[in-house]
């Protein structure tokens, strides 16, 4: 279940994280599609992550909820 972020500082941190992920992906010349395949998510999830969407759920394969 996604929890919406109400804190301004948390919102900024998510946006900064997304920008850093996008910058790193672009520096390595990896497409959104290629990155999504590498990390096992959809292209739309990568796009949302890079925008700092607070509804994106991330985790590692095999981890229990």
C-alpha atoms as a PDB file:
ATOM      1  CA  UNK A   1       0.000   0.000   0.000  1.00  0.00           C
ATOM      2  CA  UNK A   2       1.428   3.359  -1.047  1.00  0.00           C
ATOM      3  CA  UNK A   3       1.635   6.151   1.487  1.00  0.00           C
ATOM      4  CA  UNK A   4       1.407   9.706   0.192  1.00  0.00           C
ATOM      5  CA  UNK A   5       4.142  12.051   1.350  1.00  0.00           C
ATOM      6  CA  UNK A   6       2.916  15.281   2.935  1.00  0.00           C
ATOM      7  CA  UNK A   7       6.281  16.634   4.083  1.00  0.00           C
ATOM      8  CA  UNK A   8       7.836  19.259   1.816  1.00  0.00           C
ATOM      9  CA  UNK A   9      11.350  18.068   2.670  1.00  0.00           C
ATOM     10  CA  UNK A  10      10.428  14.451   1.904  1.00  0.00           C
ATOM     11  CA  UNK A  11       8.866  15.515  -1.415  1.00  0.00           C
ATOM     12  CA  UNK A  12      12.072  17.382  -2.333  1.00  0.00           C
ATOM     13  CA  UNK A  13      14.178  14.375  -1.360  1.00  0.00           C
ATOM     14  CA  UNK A  14      12.105  12.089  -3.610  1.00  0.00           C
ATOM     15  CA  UNK A  15      12.406  14.530  -6.498  1.00  0.00           C
ATOM     16  CA  UNK A  16      16.184  14.801  -5.968  1.00  0.00           C
ATOM     17  CA  UNK A  17      16.497  11.003  -5.856  1.00  0.00           C
ATOM     18  CA  UNK A  18      14.547  10.710  -9.097  1.00  0.00           C
ATOM     19  CA  UNK A  19      16.698  13.353 -10.773  1.00  0.00           C
ATOM     20  CA  UNK A  20      19.869  11.569  -9.632  1.00  0.00           C
ATOM     21  CA  UNK A  21      18.632   8.239 -10.972  1.00  0.00           C
ATOM     22  CA  UNK A  22      17.766   9.825 -14.303  1.00  0.00           C
ATOM     23  CA  UNK A  23      21.130  11.594 -14.533  1.00  0.00           C
ATOM     24  CA  UNK A  24      23.017   8.378 -13.794  1.00  0.00           C
ATOM     25  CA  UNK A  25      20.953   6.467 -16.378  1.00  0.00           C
ATOM     26  CA  UNK A  26      21.555   9.110 -19.047  1.00  0.00           C
ATOM     27  CA  UNK A  27      25.307   9.338 -18.313  1.00  0.00           C
ATOM     28  CA  UNK A  28      25.492   5.598 -18.928  1.00  0.00           C
ATOM     29  CA  UNK A  29      23.412   5.995 -22.110  1.00  0.00           C
ATOM     30  CA  UNK A  30      20.802   3.515 -20.902  1.00  0.00           C
ATOM     31  CA  UNK A  31      17.289   3.897 -22.284  1.00  0.00           C
ATOM     32  CA  UNK A  32      14.249   3.868 -20.033  1.00  0.00           C
ATOM     33  CA  UNK A  33      13.319   0.532 -21.594  1.00  0.00           C
ATOM     34  CA  UNK A  34      16.790  -0.916 -20.983  1.00  0.00           C
ATOM     35  CA  UNK A  35      16.875   0.327 -17.406  1.00  0.00           C
ATOM     36  CA  UNK A  36      13.402  -1.028 -16.707  1.00  0.00           C
ATOM     37  CA  UNK A  37      14.444  -4.438 -18.024  1.00  0.00           C
ATOM     38  CA  UNK A  38      17.596  -4.422 -15.889  1.00  0.00           C
ATOM     39  CA  UNK A  39      15.750  -3.669 -12.676  1.00  0.00           C
ATOM     40  CA  UNK A  40      12.668  -5.752 -13.453  1.00  0.00           C
ATOM     41  CA  UNK A  41       9.979  -3.074 -13.574  1.00  0.00           C
ATOM     42  CA  UNK A  42       7.851  -1.428 -16.262  1.00  0.00           C
ATOM     43  CA  UNK A  43       8.927   1.619 -18.237  1.00  0.00           C
ATOM     44  CA  UNK A  44       6.136   3.624 -16.631  1.00  0.00           C
ATOM     45  CA  UNK A  45       7.492   2.740 -13.179  1.00  0.00           C
ATOM     46  CA  UNK A  46      10.928   4.065 -14.167  1.00  0.00           C
ATOM     47  CA  UNK A  47       9.344   7.271 -15.490  1.00  0.00           C
ATOM     48  CA  UNK A  48       7.378   7.724 -12.260  1.00  0.00           C
ATOM     49  CA  UNK A  49      10.477   6.999 -10.153  1.00  0.00           C
ATOM     50  CA  UNK A  50      12.506   9.590 -12.067  1.00  0.00           C
ATOM     51  CA  UNK A  51       9.758  12.182 -11.526  1.00  0.00           C
ATOM     52  CA  UNK A  52       9.807  11.594  -7.764  1.00  0.00           C
ATOM     53  CA  UNK A  53       6.337  10.063  -7.600  1.00  0.00           C
ATOM     54  CA  UNK A  54       5.664   9.124  -3.976  1.00  0.00           C
ATOM     55  CA  UNK A  55       3.396   6.254  -5.030  1.00  0.00           C
ATOM     56  CA  UNK A  56       6.182   4.162  -6.574  1.00  0.00           C
ATOM     57  CA  UNK A  57       6.885   0.997  -4.644  1.00  0.00           C
ATOM     58  CA  UNK A  58      10.406  -0.389  -4.874  1.00  0.00           C
ATOM     59  CA  UNK A  59      11.997  -3.455  -3.369  1.00  0.00           C
ATOM     60  CA  UNK A  60      14.406  -6.275  -4.063  1.00  0.00           C
ATOM     61  CA  UNK A  61      13.407  -9.602  -5.625  1.00  0.00           C
ATOM     62  CA  UNK A  62      12.774 -12.288  -3.076  1.00  0.00           C
ATOM     63  CA  UNK A  63      12.135  -9.902  -0.195  1.00  0.00           C
ATOM     64  CA  UNK A  64       9.136 -10.616   1.977  1.00  0.00           C
ATOM     65  CA  UNK A  65       6.492  -7.895   2.431  1.00  0.00           C
END
